[in-house]
N, C-alpha and C. Protein backbone atom coordinates (compact mmCIF):
# COMPACT_ATOMS: atom_id res chain seq x y z
N UNK A 1 20.37 -49.06 -24.98
CA UNK A 1 20.02 -47.87 -25.72
C UNK A 1 18.58 -47.44 -25.41
N UNK A 2 17.68 -48.42 -25.38
CA UNK A 2 16.29 -48.13 -25.11
C UNK A 2 16.11 -47.55 -23.70
N UNK A 3 16.83 -48.07 -22.72
CA UNK A 3 16.77 -47.57 -21.35
C UNK A 3 17.27 -46.13 -21.28
N UNK A 4 18.31 -45.81 -22.02
CA UNK A 4 18.85 -44.46 -22.04
C UNK A 4 17.83 -43.47 -22.61
N UNK A 5 17.12 -43.86 -23.66
CA UNK A 5 16.09 -43.00 -24.25
C UNK A 5 14.95 -42.79 -23.26
N UNK A 6 14.55 -43.86 -22.55
CA UNK A 6 13.47 -43.75 -21.57
C UNK A 6 13.86 -42.82 -20.42
N UNK A 7 15.10 -42.92 -19.97
CA UNK A 7 15.57 -42.05 -18.88
C UNK A 7 15.55 -40.60 -19.34
N UNK A 8 16.02 -40.32 -20.53
CA UNK A 8 15.99 -38.97 -21.07
C UNK A 8 14.55 -38.46 -21.20
N UNK A 9 13.65 -39.34 -21.64
CA UNK A 9 12.24 -38.96 -21.79
C UNK A 9 11.62 -38.63 -20.42
N UNK A 10 11.91 -39.46 -19.42
CA UNK A 10 11.38 -39.22 -18.07
C UNK A 10 11.96 -37.93 -17.50
N UNK A 11 13.26 -37.75 -17.65
CA UNK A 11 13.90 -36.53 -17.15
C UNK A 11 13.32 -35.29 -17.83
N UNK A 12 13.12 -35.35 -19.13
CA UNK A 12 12.54 -34.22 -19.87
C UNK A 12 11.12 -33.93 -19.37
N UNK A 13 10.33 -34.95 -19.14
CA UNK A 13 8.96 -34.79 -18.66
C UNK A 13 8.95 -34.13 -17.28
N UNK A 14 9.81 -34.59 -16.39
CA UNK A 14 9.87 -34.02 -15.04
C UNK A 14 10.26 -32.55 -15.12
N UNK A 15 11.28 -32.22 -15.89
CA UNK A 15 11.71 -30.83 -16.02
C UNK A 15 10.61 -29.97 -16.65
N UNK A 16 9.89 -30.50 -17.61
CA UNK A 16 8.81 -29.77 -18.24
C UNK A 16 7.70 -29.47 -17.24
N UNK A 17 7.32 -30.45 -16.43
CA UNK A 17 6.27 -30.25 -15.43
C UNK A 17 6.70 -29.21 -14.40
N UNK A 18 7.93 -29.28 -13.94
CA UNK A 18 8.43 -28.30 -12.98
C UNK A 18 8.53 -26.92 -13.61
N UNK A 19 8.92 -26.85 -14.86
CA UNK A 19 9.06 -25.57 -15.55
C UNK A 19 7.73 -24.90 -15.80
N UNK A 20 6.70 -25.66 -16.06
CA UNK A 20 5.37 -25.08 -16.30
C UNK A 20 4.87 -24.39 -15.05
N UNK A 21 5.18 -24.95 -13.90
CA UNK A 21 4.70 -24.39 -12.65
C UNK A 21 5.53 -23.20 -12.16
N UNK A 22 6.60 -22.85 -12.84
CA UNK A 22 7.46 -21.76 -12.39
C UNK A 22 7.09 -20.47 -13.11
N UNK A 23 7.36 -19.37 -12.46
CA UNK A 23 7.10 -18.08 -13.07
C UNK A 23 7.08 -17.01 -12.00
N UNK A 24 6.53 -15.87 -12.34
CA UNK A 24 6.40 -14.81 -11.35
C UNK A 24 5.03 -14.16 -11.49
N UNK A 25 4.56 -13.64 -10.39
CA UNK A 25 3.25 -13.02 -10.31
C UNK A 25 3.40 -11.66 -9.67
N UNK A 26 2.66 -10.65 -10.16
CA UNK A 26 2.73 -9.34 -9.49
C UNK A 26 2.24 -9.44 -8.05
N UNK A 27 2.88 -8.69 -7.18
CA UNK A 27 2.45 -8.65 -5.78
C UNK A 27 1.17 -7.82 -5.66
N UNK A 28 0.54 -7.91 -4.53
CA UNK A 28 -0.68 -7.15 -4.27
C UNK A 28 -0.36 -5.65 -4.21
N UNK A 29 -1.30 -4.80 -4.61
CA UNK A 29 -1.08 -3.35 -4.51
C UNK A 29 -0.84 -2.94 -3.05
N UNK A 30 -0.01 -1.93 -2.88
CA UNK A 30 0.27 -1.44 -1.54
C UNK A 30 -0.82 -0.52 -1.03
N UNK A 31 -0.87 -0.35 0.27
CA UNK A 31 -1.79 0.58 0.94
C UNK A 31 -0.99 1.39 1.93
N UNK A 32 -1.31 2.67 2.05
CA UNK A 32 -0.63 3.53 3.00
C UNK A 32 -1.55 3.89 4.16
N UNK A 33 -0.99 3.84 5.36
CA UNK A 33 -1.64 4.35 6.55
C UNK A 33 -1.01 5.70 6.87
N UNK A 34 -1.69 6.48 7.69
CA UNK A 34 -1.08 7.72 8.15
C UNK A 34 -1.16 7.81 9.66
N UNK A 35 -0.19 8.48 10.22
CA UNK A 35 -0.18 8.76 11.65
C UNK A 35 -0.22 10.27 11.84
N UNK A 36 -0.34 10.70 13.08
CA UNK A 36 -0.48 12.12 13.38
C UNK A 36 0.53 12.53 14.45
N UNK A 37 1.15 13.67 14.26
CA UNK A 37 2.11 14.19 15.24
C UNK A 37 1.64 15.57 15.69
N UNK A 38 1.49 15.73 17.02
CA UNK A 38 1.12 17.01 17.60
C UNK A 38 -0.36 17.26 17.71
N UNK A 39 -1.18 16.25 17.45
CA UNK A 39 -2.63 16.40 17.52
C UNK A 39 -3.16 15.85 18.84
N UNK A 40 -4.22 16.47 19.34
CA UNK A 40 -4.86 15.96 20.56
C UNK A 40 -5.76 14.78 20.18
N UNK A 41 -6.15 14.02 21.19
CA UNK A 41 -7.06 12.90 20.94
C UNK A 41 -8.37 13.37 20.31
N UNK A 42 -9.02 14.43 20.84
CA UNK A 42 -10.27 14.88 20.20
C UNK A 42 -10.07 15.30 18.74
N UNK A 43 -8.94 15.94 18.43
CA UNK A 43 -8.69 16.35 17.04
C UNK A 43 -8.57 15.15 16.10
N UNK A 44 -8.10 14.04 16.63
CA UNK A 44 -7.92 12.84 15.79
C UNK A 44 -9.17 11.99 15.70
N UNK A 45 -10.19 12.34 16.46
CA UNK A 45 -11.43 11.55 16.43
C UNK A 45 -12.29 11.83 15.21
N UNK A 46 -12.06 12.95 14.54
CA UNK A 46 -12.85 13.28 13.35
C UNK A 46 -11.89 13.53 12.19
N UNK A 47 -11.86 12.56 11.27
CA UNK A 47 -10.99 12.64 10.10
C UNK A 47 -11.82 12.36 8.85
N UNK A 48 -11.69 13.23 7.86
CA UNK A 48 -12.39 13.05 6.59
C UNK A 48 -11.34 12.79 5.52
N UNK A 49 -11.57 11.78 4.72
CA UNK A 49 -10.66 11.44 3.62
C UNK A 49 -11.41 11.67 2.31
N UNK A 50 -10.88 12.57 1.49
CA UNK A 50 -11.46 12.85 0.18
C UNK A 50 -10.55 12.25 -0.89
N UNK A 51 -11.16 11.46 -1.76
CA UNK A 51 -10.42 10.79 -2.83
C UNK A 51 -10.67 11.50 -4.15
N UNK A 52 -9.59 11.76 -4.91
CA UNK A 52 -9.67 12.48 -6.18
C UNK A 52 -9.03 11.67 -7.30
N UNK A 53 -9.46 11.97 -8.52
CA UNK A 53 -8.83 11.38 -9.69
C UNK A 53 -7.35 11.78 -9.70
N UNK A 54 -6.49 10.82 -9.92
CA UNK A 54 -5.05 11.05 -9.93
C UNK A 54 -4.68 12.13 -10.95
N UNK A 55 -3.94 13.13 -10.50
CA UNK A 55 -3.47 14.18 -11.39
C UNK A 55 -4.50 15.22 -11.78
N UNK A 56 -5.65 15.24 -11.13
CA UNK A 56 -6.73 16.18 -11.49
C UNK A 56 -6.60 17.53 -10.81
N UNK A 57 -5.52 17.74 -10.06
CA UNK A 57 -5.34 18.99 -9.31
C UNK A 57 -6.51 19.22 -8.34
N UNK A 58 -7.05 18.13 -7.81
CA UNK A 58 -8.14 18.16 -6.83
C UNK A 58 -9.42 18.78 -7.38
N UNK A 59 -9.64 18.63 -8.67
CA UNK A 59 -10.86 19.16 -9.28
C UNK A 59 -11.91 18.08 -9.55
N UNK A 60 -11.52 16.79 -9.47
CA UNK A 60 -12.46 15.70 -9.76
C UNK A 60 -12.56 14.77 -8.54
N UNK A 61 -13.44 15.15 -7.61
CA UNK A 61 -13.61 14.34 -6.41
C UNK A 61 -14.38 13.07 -6.75
N UNK A 62 -13.90 11.96 -6.24
CA UNK A 62 -14.53 10.66 -6.46
C UNK A 62 -15.39 10.27 -5.27
N UNK A 63 -14.86 10.49 -4.07
CA UNK A 63 -15.55 10.03 -2.88
C UNK A 63 -15.05 10.81 -1.66
N UNK A 64 -15.83 10.77 -0.62
CA UNK A 64 -15.46 11.40 0.63
C UNK A 64 -16.00 10.52 1.76
N UNK A 65 -15.13 10.14 2.71
CA UNK A 65 -15.55 9.24 3.79
C UNK A 65 -15.00 9.72 5.12
N UNK A 66 -15.73 9.38 6.19
CA UNK A 66 -15.19 9.57 7.54
C UNK A 66 -14.31 8.36 7.83
N UNK A 67 -13.12 8.62 8.30
CA UNK A 67 -12.18 7.55 8.60
C UNK A 67 -12.42 7.08 10.03
N UNK A 68 -12.67 5.80 10.16
CA UNK A 68 -12.79 5.19 11.47
C UNK A 68 -11.48 4.47 11.74
N UNK A 69 -10.68 5.06 12.62
CA UNK A 69 -9.35 4.51 12.87
C UNK A 69 -9.09 4.41 14.36
N UNK A 70 -8.27 3.45 14.71
CA UNK A 70 -7.77 3.33 16.07
C UNK A 70 -6.32 3.81 16.08
N UNK A 71 -5.96 4.58 17.09
CA UNK A 71 -4.60 5.09 17.19
C UNK A 71 -4.03 4.70 18.55
N UNK A 72 -2.73 4.48 18.58
CA UNK A 72 -2.04 4.34 19.86
C UNK A 72 -1.14 5.55 20.02
N UNK A 73 -1.08 6.06 21.23
CA UNK A 73 -0.31 7.29 21.49
C UNK A 73 1.02 6.96 22.14
N UNK A 74 2.06 7.65 21.67
CA UNK A 74 3.37 7.64 22.31
C UNK A 74 3.85 9.09 22.30
N UNK A 75 3.78 9.72 23.45
CA UNK A 75 4.09 11.15 23.59
C UNK A 75 3.17 11.97 22.68
N UNK A 76 3.72 12.67 21.69
CA UNK A 76 2.87 13.50 20.82
C UNK A 76 2.50 12.81 19.51
N UNK A 77 2.82 11.51 19.39
CA UNK A 77 2.62 10.79 18.13
C UNK A 77 1.49 9.78 18.25
N UNK A 78 0.56 9.86 17.29
CA UNK A 78 -0.52 8.89 17.19
C UNK A 78 -0.24 7.99 16.00
N UNK A 79 -0.11 6.69 16.27
CA UNK A 79 0.16 5.71 15.22
C UNK A 79 -1.10 4.89 14.98
N UNK A 80 -1.49 4.78 13.73
CA UNK A 80 -2.70 4.05 13.37
C UNK A 80 -2.50 2.56 13.67
N UNK A 81 -3.42 2.00 14.44
CA UNK A 81 -3.36 0.58 14.75
C UNK A 81 -4.45 -0.22 14.05
N UNK A 82 -5.52 0.46 13.67
CA UNK A 82 -6.60 -0.18 12.92
C UNK A 82 -7.34 0.89 12.13
N UNK A 83 -7.93 0.49 11.03
CA UNK A 83 -8.65 1.44 10.19
C UNK A 83 -9.64 0.68 9.32
N UNK A 84 -10.75 1.34 9.00
CA UNK A 84 -11.66 0.75 8.03
C UNK A 84 -10.98 0.80 6.65
N UNK A 85 -11.37 -0.05 5.74
CA UNK A 85 -10.72 -0.16 4.43
C UNK A 85 -10.68 1.14 3.65
N UNK A 86 -11.66 2.00 3.85
CA UNK A 86 -11.69 3.27 3.12
C UNK A 86 -10.65 4.26 3.62
N UNK A 87 -10.02 3.98 4.75
CA UNK A 87 -9.04 4.89 5.32
C UNK A 87 -7.62 4.63 4.87
N UNK A 88 -7.43 3.66 3.99
CA UNK A 88 -6.10 3.36 3.45
C UNK A 88 -5.92 4.05 2.10
N UNK A 89 -4.73 4.52 1.83
CA UNK A 89 -4.46 5.26 0.60
C UNK A 89 -3.76 4.38 -0.42
N UNK A 90 -4.12 4.58 -1.70
CA UNK A 90 -3.53 3.82 -2.81
C UNK A 90 -2.89 4.79 -3.79
N UNK A 91 -1.95 4.29 -4.54
CA UNK A 91 -1.20 5.14 -5.46
C UNK A 91 -2.00 5.58 -6.68
N UNK A 92 -3.16 5.01 -6.88
CA UNK A 92 -3.96 5.32 -8.07
C UNK A 92 -4.87 6.54 -7.88
N UNK A 93 -4.75 7.24 -6.76
CA UNK A 93 -5.58 8.41 -6.48
C UNK A 93 -4.75 9.50 -5.80
N UNK A 94 -5.29 10.72 -5.79
CA UNK A 94 -4.81 11.80 -4.94
C UNK A 94 -5.82 11.93 -3.80
N UNK A 95 -5.39 12.50 -2.68
CA UNK A 95 -6.26 12.57 -1.50
C UNK A 95 -6.14 13.91 -0.79
N UNK A 96 -7.18 14.23 -0.06
CA UNK A 96 -7.13 15.27 0.96
C UNK A 96 -7.51 14.61 2.27
N UNK A 97 -6.70 14.85 3.29
CA UNK A 97 -7.01 14.38 4.63
C UNK A 97 -7.39 15.63 5.43
N UNK A 98 -8.60 15.64 5.93
CA UNK A 98 -9.14 16.82 6.61
C UNK A 98 -9.32 16.49 8.09
N UNK A 99 -8.75 17.32 8.95
CA UNK A 99 -8.95 17.23 10.40
C UNK A 99 -9.67 18.51 10.82
N UNK A 100 -11.01 18.50 10.76
CA UNK A 100 -11.78 19.73 10.97
C UNK A 100 -11.59 20.35 12.36
N UNK A 101 -11.46 19.53 13.40
CA UNK A 101 -11.32 20.08 14.74
C UNK A 101 -9.94 20.73 14.95
N UNK A 102 -8.99 20.40 14.10
CA UNK A 102 -7.67 21.02 14.16
C UNK A 102 -7.54 22.13 13.12
N UNK A 103 -8.54 22.23 12.23
CA UNK A 103 -8.48 23.24 11.16
C UNK A 103 -7.40 22.95 10.14
N UNK A 104 -7.14 21.69 9.85
CA UNK A 104 -6.06 21.31 8.94
C UNK A 104 -6.57 20.50 7.75
N UNK A 105 -5.96 20.77 6.58
CA UNK A 105 -6.19 19.98 5.37
C UNK A 105 -4.82 19.64 4.79
N UNK A 106 -4.62 18.36 4.49
CA UNK A 106 -3.36 17.89 3.90
C UNK A 106 -3.66 17.31 2.53
N UNK A 107 -2.92 17.76 1.54
CA UNK A 107 -3.07 17.24 0.18
C UNK A 107 -1.98 16.20 -0.09
N UNK A 108 -2.44 15.01 -0.44
CA UNK A 108 -1.55 13.88 -0.65
C UNK A 108 -1.53 13.55 -2.15
N UNK A 109 -0.36 13.63 -2.75
CA UNK A 109 -0.21 13.35 -4.18
C UNK A 109 1.04 12.51 -4.41
N UNK A 110 1.20 12.08 -5.63
CA UNK A 110 2.43 11.40 -6.09
C UNK A 110 2.86 10.28 -5.15
N UNK A 111 1.92 9.42 -4.82
CA UNK A 111 2.26 8.25 -4.01
C UNK A 111 3.02 7.28 -4.91
N UNK A 112 4.28 7.09 -4.62
CA UNK A 112 5.10 6.21 -5.45
C UNK A 112 4.93 4.76 -4.98
N UNK A 113 4.70 3.89 -5.95
CA UNK A 113 4.53 2.48 -5.64
C UNK A 113 5.51 1.67 -6.47
N UNK A 114 6.33 0.89 -5.81
CA UNK A 114 7.29 0.02 -6.48
C UNK A 114 6.61 -1.32 -6.77
N UNK A 115 6.38 -1.58 -8.04
CA UNK A 115 5.74 -2.84 -8.40
C UNK A 115 6.75 -3.97 -8.21
N UNK A 116 6.35 -4.95 -7.43
CA UNK A 116 7.21 -6.09 -7.13
C UNK A 116 6.57 -7.36 -7.68
N UNK A 117 7.38 -8.38 -7.82
CA UNK A 117 6.91 -9.67 -8.30
C UNK A 117 7.42 -10.75 -7.36
N UNK A 118 6.65 -11.80 -7.25
CA UNK A 118 7.09 -12.94 -6.45
C UNK A 118 7.24 -14.13 -7.38
N UNK A 119 8.35 -14.82 -7.19
CA UNK A 119 8.58 -16.04 -7.98
C UNK A 119 7.81 -17.17 -7.33
N UNK A 120 7.21 -17.97 -8.15
CA UNK A 120 6.47 -19.09 -7.61
C UNK A 120 6.80 -20.33 -8.42
N UNK A 121 6.43 -21.46 -7.85
CA UNK A 121 6.68 -22.74 -8.50
C UNK A 121 5.50 -23.65 -8.24
N UNK A 122 5.63 -24.83 -8.71
CA UNK A 122 4.60 -25.84 -8.50
C UNK A 122 4.38 -26.04 -7.00
N UNK A 123 5.44 -25.86 -6.21
CA UNK A 123 5.37 -26.10 -4.77
C UNK A 123 5.01 -24.83 -3.98
N UNK A 124 5.09 -23.67 -4.60
CA UNK A 124 4.75 -22.40 -3.94
C UNK A 124 3.95 -21.55 -4.92
N UNK A 125 2.66 -21.89 -5.14
CA UNK A 125 1.88 -21.23 -6.16
C UNK A 125 1.24 -19.90 -5.75
N UNK A 126 1.33 -19.51 -4.48
CA UNK A 126 0.60 -18.34 -4.01
C UNK A 126 1.53 -17.15 -3.82
N UNK A 127 0.93 -15.98 -3.61
CA UNK A 127 1.71 -14.77 -3.41
C UNK A 127 1.54 -14.20 -2.00
N UNK A 128 1.35 -15.05 -1.02
CA UNK A 128 1.15 -14.61 0.36
C UNK A 128 2.28 -13.70 0.81
N UNK A 129 1.92 -12.61 1.46
CA UNK A 129 2.92 -11.72 2.05
C UNK A 129 3.65 -10.85 1.07
N UNK A 130 3.27 -10.88 -0.17
CA UNK A 130 3.96 -10.09 -1.20
C UNK A 130 3.11 -8.85 -1.51
N UNK A 131 3.59 -7.70 -1.05
CA UNK A 131 2.87 -6.44 -1.23
C UNK A 131 3.82 -5.41 -1.81
N UNK A 132 3.34 -4.63 -2.76
CA UNK A 132 4.16 -3.57 -3.34
C UNK A 132 4.57 -2.58 -2.26
N UNK A 133 5.76 -2.03 -2.41
CA UNK A 133 6.26 -1.02 -1.47
C UNK A 133 5.86 0.37 -1.95
N UNK A 134 5.68 1.26 -0.98
CA UNK A 134 5.31 2.65 -1.28
C UNK A 134 6.30 3.55 -0.54
N UNK A 135 7.46 3.82 -1.14
CA UNK A 135 8.54 4.49 -0.40
C UNK A 135 8.41 6.01 -0.26
N UNK A 136 7.65 6.66 -1.14
CA UNK A 136 7.61 8.13 -1.14
C UNK A 136 6.18 8.61 -1.37
N UNK A 137 5.82 9.67 -0.65
CA UNK A 137 4.53 10.32 -0.82
C UNK A 137 4.77 11.83 -0.76
N UNK A 138 3.96 12.59 -1.48
CA UNK A 138 4.08 14.04 -1.45
C UNK A 138 2.93 14.59 -0.61
N UNK A 139 3.30 15.34 0.45
CA UNK A 139 2.32 15.94 1.36
C UNK A 139 2.42 17.45 1.21
N UNK A 140 1.32 18.07 0.76
CA UNK A 140 1.31 19.53 0.55
C UNK A 140 2.54 19.98 -0.24
N UNK A 141 2.80 19.30 -1.33
CA UNK A 141 3.88 19.60 -2.27
C UNK A 141 5.28 19.35 -1.71
N UNK A 142 5.38 18.62 -0.62
CA UNK A 142 6.69 18.28 -0.06
C UNK A 142 6.87 16.77 -0.07
N UNK A 143 7.88 16.31 -0.80
CA UNK A 143 8.15 14.88 -0.90
C UNK A 143 8.62 14.35 0.45
N UNK A 144 8.04 13.22 0.86
CA UNK A 144 8.30 12.65 2.17
C UNK A 144 8.53 11.14 2.05
N UNK A 145 9.53 10.64 2.74
CA UNK A 145 9.76 9.19 2.78
C UNK A 145 8.75 8.54 3.72
N UNK A 146 8.30 7.37 3.36
CA UNK A 146 7.37 6.64 4.22
C UNK A 146 8.17 5.83 5.24
N UNK A 147 7.48 5.38 6.26
CA UNK A 147 8.09 4.53 7.28
C UNK A 147 7.75 3.09 6.95
N UNK A 148 8.75 2.27 6.78
CA UNK A 148 8.56 0.85 6.49
C UNK A 148 7.69 0.62 5.27
N UNK A 149 7.67 1.56 4.34
CA UNK A 149 6.96 1.45 3.06
C UNK A 149 5.44 1.46 3.16
N UNK A 150 4.87 1.70 4.36
CA UNK A 150 3.41 1.66 4.43
C UNK A 150 2.80 2.72 5.34
N UNK A 151 3.60 3.65 5.88
CA UNK A 151 3.04 4.64 6.78
C UNK A 151 3.77 5.97 6.63
N UNK A 152 3.02 7.06 6.75
CA UNK A 152 3.61 8.39 6.82
C UNK A 152 2.91 9.17 7.92
N UNK A 153 3.53 10.25 8.34
CA UNK A 153 2.98 11.04 9.44
C UNK A 153 2.64 12.45 8.99
N UNK A 154 1.52 12.96 9.49
CA UNK A 154 1.10 14.33 9.28
C UNK A 154 1.44 15.13 10.52
N UNK A 155 2.16 16.22 10.34
CA UNK A 155 2.57 17.06 11.47
C UNK A 155 1.68 18.27 11.57
N UNK A 156 1.30 18.60 12.80
CA UNK A 156 0.43 19.74 13.05
C UNK A 156 1.19 21.05 12.82
């Protein structure tokens, strides 16, 4: 009888320790990159990103930065391969992307972000590789699906 109680006690303790280490954690916020279609290389060399308070109708500018990005070209499409941190877009702001040499301004709003969670345990306590998805963005009042949840393209 005593052995049976000890086994139950040990089993309960093991399950309790494993259970304490289990749970879920929110994934990291997503970031959006943008690519360009129909732009020349010189036009893509000067990009200004203006950040606005979300939902302010572009009346409350927070910041304005020159985007330093690397692009790879395939025919008429420039895909971002590297960018400084300020050149990534988050769902908590509205943006204007300005290409002065092309005479274009794009207003980016309603960036949808799907909040995801990762299950973790005592043996997997981290959230590596877990990033929220961003499936839809509105460009100049037109809803657009993103590519692979992290990129959209601006067309000239």
